Amino acid sequence: MDDAFGLDDLVACYERGVFPMADARHDERLFLIDPQWRGVLPLDGMHIPRRLARTVRSEPFEVRVDTAFDAVVEACASSRPGRLETWINAPIQKMYGMLYAAGRAHSVECWQDGQLVGGLYGVSLGAAFFGESMFSTARDASKVALVHLVGRLNVGGYKLLDTQFITDHLAQFGTVEISRADYKRRLAKALTAESDFYLLGPAATGADVLQAISQAS
C-alpha cells in the first residue's frame, strides 16, 4: 500500500466496503480486504445466552467508553496463549489512533480492580459501526463489552454492525453471513443515516443495555 495512504483514504475505504489488514504483527505492509461474504450482527437480533445475560446484569466489570482507546488496540494486537499472531501492526495502530482522535473510532472497555481486562474497538461512520477486534484477560470480559456495544448502538440509532468475518465466537450471538452485494446495499443505507454513539450515557448499567437490546428485538 502507498506510503501516502492517510486518514481520508482509510475513511474512503470503509465507505466503499473495504478495510485494511496486515499479514502479521511485525509486518509493516498493509493490504485491503473486500470479502465475498461478510459477517454482520443484526442489531435487532442479537442472541445473548442466559448465563452471559446474568453476568452482564451482575456487573462484574466497570464498563467504560473511550477512556483507553490506545490501550485497547494495543491489547488486541498483543499475542497471548492461543493467539500468538495478530493482524494489527504498527501502521494500523497509528491509523486507528488518528481515527479515534477524529471522533470516528471508539472503544468499549471492561475494567476490574483498576485494570483493563477486556474490550473492543471499531470505526463509526454514519449509522454504521465496523467492529475491528476484541480481547479478554478475564472471563467473559470481551463478551460483556460486546453486549454493551450492541445496547449502545441500538440506543444511538445505528443501522449496521459489521463484524467483517463470521467466527464460532460471533455466531453464538446471532452473527450472520451475507453476500458482498447485500452488505454494500446495507452499508450505503447506513452511511446516509445519523447516529449518536454517546446517546447511552456513561452511567448505563448492564440492565440498561440488556433492555435496549430486548426492545430492539
Protein backbone atom coordinates (compact mmCIF):
# COMPACT_ATOMS: atom_id res chain seq x y z
CA MET A 1 0.00 0.00 0.00
CA ASP A 2 1.21 3.51 -0.81
CA ASP A 3 3.10 5.30 1.96
CA ALA A 4 0.87 8.33 1.33
CA PHE A 5 -2.22 6.39 2.46
CA GLY A 6 -3.78 8.57 5.15
CA LEU A 7 -6.85 9.17 7.28
CA ASP A 8 -9.13 10.32 4.43
CA ASP A 9 -8.10 7.30 2.38
CA LEU A 10 -8.92 4.98 5.28
CA VAL A 11 -12.37 6.53 5.72
CA ALA A 12 -12.99 6.23 1.98
CA CYS A 13 -12.11 2.53 2.17
CA TYR A 14 -14.73 1.90 4.82
CA GLU A 15 -17.29 3.90 2.87
CA ARG A 16 -16.86 1.63 -0.13
CA GLY A 17 -16.86 -1.54 1.95
CA VAL A 18 -13.19 -2.49 2.20
CA PHE A 19 -10.84 -2.50 5.19
CA PRO A 20 -7.08 -2.81 5.84
CA MET A 21 -5.24 -5.75 7.34
CA ALA A 22 -1.66 -6.93 7.75
CA ASP A 23 -0.24 -10.42 7.45
CA ALA A 24 1.44 -10.26 10.84
CA ARG A 25 2.10 -8.03 13.83
CA HIS A 26 5.65 -7.19 12.76
CA ASP A 27 4.95 -6.89 9.03
CA GLU A 28 4.77 -3.19 8.14
CA ARG A 29 2.80 -3.79 4.94
CA LEU A 30 -0.95 -3.31 4.64
CA PHE A 31 -3.45 -4.66 2.16
CA LEU A 32 -7.15 -4.08 1.59
CA ILE A 33 -9.82 -6.74 2.07
CA ASP A 34 -13.15 -6.88 0.23
CA PRO A 35 -14.64 -10.23 1.33
CA GLN A 36 -17.09 -12.06 -0.89
CA TRP A 37 -19.03 -12.90 2.28
CA ARG A 38 -19.35 -10.51 5.21
CA GLY A 39 -20.19 -11.07 8.86
CA VAL A 40 -22.98 -8.85 10.22
CA LEU A 41 -24.52 -8.91 13.69
CA PRO A 42 -28.18 -7.81 13.34
CA LEU A 43 -28.77 -5.11 15.92
CA ASP A 44 -32.38 -6.26 16.27
CA GLY A 45 -31.47 -9.92 16.56
CA MET A 46 -28.59 -10.35 18.99
CA HIS A 47 -28.78 -13.61 20.92
CA ILE A 48 -27.47 -13.41 24.48
CA PRO A 49 -27.02 -16.76 26.27
CA ARG A 50 -28.73 -16.84 29.65
CA ARG A 51 -25.52 -17.24 31.60
CA LEU A 52 -24.00 -14.24 29.86
CA ALA A 53 -27.13 -12.18 30.49
CA ARG A 54 -26.81 -12.96 34.20
CA THR A 55 -23.17 -11.92 34.08
CA VAL A 56 -23.98 -8.64 32.33
CA ARG A 57 -26.71 -7.91 34.86
CA SER A 58 -24.44 -8.68 37.82
CA GLU A 59 -21.86 -6.14 36.56
CA PRO A 60 -18.55 -7.84 37.42
CA PHE A 61 -16.74 -5.12 35.44
CA GLU A 62 -16.80 -1.38 35.29
CA VAL A 63 -17.66 -0.69 31.66
CA ARG A 64 -16.21 2.49 30.21
CA VAL A 65 -16.27 4.04 26.76
CA ASP A 66 -13.36 5.80 25.05
CA THR A 67 -11.17 6.18 28.14
CA ALA A 68 -8.30 3.92 27.00
CA PHE A 69 -8.63 3.53 23.24
CA ASP A 70 -4.91 3.10 22.54
CA ALA A 71 -4.58 0.55 25.33
CA VAL A 72 -7.46 -1.50 23.91
CA VAL A 73 -5.90 -1.54 20.43
CA GLU A 74 -2.53 -2.50 21.92
CA ALA A 75 -4.12 -5.33 23.90
CA CYS A 76 -5.93 -6.56 20.78
CA ALA A 77 -2.61 -6.50 18.88
CA SER A 78 -0.65 -8.37 21.55
CA SER A 79 -0.02 -12.09 21.39
CA ARG A 80 -1.30 -14.34 24.15
CA PRO A 81 -1.78 -18.07 24.76
CA GLY A 82 -3.88 -19.49 21.97
CA ARG A 83 -3.29 -16.47 19.74
CA LEU A 84 0.38 -15.97 19.05
CA GLU A 85 -0.04 -13.77 15.99
CA THR A 86 -2.40 -10.91 15.14
CA TRP A 87 -3.11 -8.81 12.05
CA ILE A 88 -2.74 -5.45 13.85
CA ASN A 89 0.65 -3.93 13.02
CA ALA A 90 2.17 -0.53 13.85
CA PRO A 91 0.76 1.33 10.81
CA ILE A 92 -2.73 0.03 11.61
CA GLN A 93 -2.41 1.09 15.25
CA LYS A 94 -1.34 4.55 14.16
CA MET A 95 -4.22 4.93 11.70
CA TYR A 96 -6.85 3.88 14.21
CA GLY A 97 -5.39 6.27 16.75
CA MET A 98 -5.92 9.01 14.17
CA LEU A 99 -9.49 7.88 13.59
CA TYR A 100 -10.12 7.96 17.33
CA ALA A 101 -8.68 11.48 17.56
CA ALA A 102 -11.06 12.49 14.77
CA GLY A 103 -14.05 11.05 16.65
CA ARG A 104 -14.52 8.23 14.15
CA ALA A 105 -13.38 5.29 16.26
CA HIS A 106 -14.46 4.12 19.71
CA SER A 107 -13.59 1.62 22.39
CA VAL A 108 -15.75 -0.20 24.90
CA GLU A 109 -13.67 -1.27 27.90
CA CYS A 110 -14.11 -3.62 30.84
CA TRP A 111 -12.18 -2.70 33.98
CA GLN A 112 -11.71 -4.72 37.16
CA ASP A 113 -9.86 -3.52 40.24
CA GLY A 114 -8.41 -0.65 38.23
CA GLN A 115 -7.09 -2.92 35.47
CA LEU A 116 -8.20 -3.09 31.85
CA VAL A 117 -9.25 -6.74 31.45
CA GLY A 118 -11.20 -6.73 28.20
CA GLY A 119 -12.74 -4.67 25.49
CA LEU A 120 -13.20 -3.97 21.82
CA TYR A 121 -12.76 -1.16 19.34
CA GLY A 122 -14.20 -0.19 16.00
CA VAL A 123 -14.91 2.53 13.47
CA SER A 124 -18.09 4.62 13.36
CA LEU A 125 -19.32 6.30 10.16
CA GLY A 126 -22.87 7.48 9.68
CA ALA A 127 -25.05 4.84 11.32
CA ALA A 128 -22.59 2.03 10.61
CA PHE A 129 -20.19 0.56 13.17
CA PHE A 130 -17.31 -1.57 11.94
CA GLY A 131 -16.10 -3.87 14.71
CA GLU A 132 -12.35 -4.36 14.43
CA SER A 133 -11.06 -6.53 17.26
CA MET A 134 -11.65 -7.54 20.86
CA PHE A 135 -9.62 -9.01 23.69
CA SER A 136 -10.14 -10.51 27.12
CA THR A 137 -7.90 -11.41 30.02
CA ALA A 138 -10.80 -12.09 32.39
CA ARG A 139 -13.66 -14.49 31.80
CA ASP A 140 -16.47 -13.01 29.69
CA ALA A 141 -14.91 -9.53 29.56
CA SER A 142 -14.97 -9.23 25.76
CA LYS A 143 -18.47 -10.72 25.66
CA VAL A 144 -19.72 -8.17 28.17
CA ALA A 145 -18.11 -5.41 26.11
CA LEU A 146 -19.90 -6.69 23.00
CA VAL A 147 -23.27 -6.69 24.76
CA HIS A 148 -22.67 -3.13 25.94
CA LEU A 149 -21.67 -2.15 22.41
CA VAL A 150 -24.84 -3.55 20.87
CA GLY A 151 -27.03 -1.89 23.50
CA ARG A 152 -25.25 1.41 22.86
CA LEU A 153 -25.62 1.09 19.09
CA ASN A 154 -29.33 0.36 19.42
CA VAL A 155 -29.93 3.38 21.61
CA GLY A 156 -27.79 5.54 19.33
CA GLY A 157 -29.76 4.76 16.18
CA TYR A 158 -27.18 2.64 14.37
CA LYS A 159 -28.33 0.51 11.43
CA LEU A 160 -25.36 -1.78 10.78
CA LEU A 161 -22.82 -3.67 12.89
CA ASP A 162 -20.15 -5.09 10.60
CA THR A 163 -18.08 -7.88 12.16
CA GLN A 164 -16.05 -8.35 8.95
CA PHE A 165 -15.89 -12.13 9.21
CA ILE A 166 -18.01 -14.71 10.98
CA THR A 167 -16.45 -16.93 13.63
CA ASP A 168 -17.88 -19.53 16.01
CA HIS A 169 -17.45 -16.96 18.78
CA LEU A 170 -19.52 -14.37 16.93
CA ALA A 171 -22.04 -16.86 15.55
CA GLN A 172 -23.29 -17.67 19.05
CA PHE A 173 -24.59 -14.09 19.30
CA GLY A 174 -26.58 -14.28 16.07
CA THR A 175 -23.98 -13.03 13.60
CA VAL A 176 -24.91 -13.95 10.03
CA GLU A 177 -23.01 -14.06 6.77
CA ILE A 178 -24.28 -12.00 3.85
CA SER A 179 -23.07 -11.50 0.31
CA ARG A 180 -20.82 -8.65 -0.73
CA ALA A 181 -23.64 -7.10 -2.77
CA ASP A 182 -26.12 -7.30 0.13
CA TYR A 183 -23.54 -5.85 2.50
CA LYS A 184 -22.83 -2.89 0.25
CA ARG A 185 -26.55 -2.14 -0.09
CA ARG A 186 -26.91 -2.14 3.70
CA LEU A 187 -23.75 -0.08 4.09
CA ALA A 188 -24.91 2.59 1.63
CA LYS A 189 -28.18 2.98 3.53
CA ALA A 190 -26.43 3.12 6.92
CA LEU A 191 -23.90 5.73 5.79
CA THR A 192 -26.68 8.19 4.94
CA ALA A 193 -28.31 7.89 8.38
CA GLU A 194 -27.34 9.67 11.58
CA SER A 195 -26.32 8.10 14.87
CA ASP A 196 -25.04 9.07 18.31
CA PHE A 197 -22.55 6.74 19.98
CA TYR A 198 -22.87 8.66 23.26
CA LEU A 199 -26.67 8.82 23.50
CA LEU A 200 -26.50 5.99 26.02
CA GLY A 201 -24.74 7.78 28.85
CA PRO A 202 -21.60 6.68 30.71
CA ALA A 203 -23.62 5.53 33.72
CA ALA A 204 -25.55 2.89 31.74
CA THR A 205 -25.92 -0.35 33.68
CA GLY A 206 -25.95 -3.91 32.47
CA ALA A 207 -29.71 -3.91 32.90
CA ASP A 208 -29.91 -0.80 30.70
CA VAL A 209 -28.05 -2.38 27.79
CA LEU A 210 -29.99 -5.64 28.05
CA GLN A 211 -33.24 -3.69 27.95
CA ALA A 212 -32.05 -1.73 24.90
CA ILE A 213 -31.29 -4.99 23.11
CA SER A 214 -34.58 -6.66 24.06
CA GLN A 215 -36.57 -3.63 22.92
CA ALA A 216 -34.87 -3.74 19.52
CA SER A 217 -35.61 -7.43 19.01
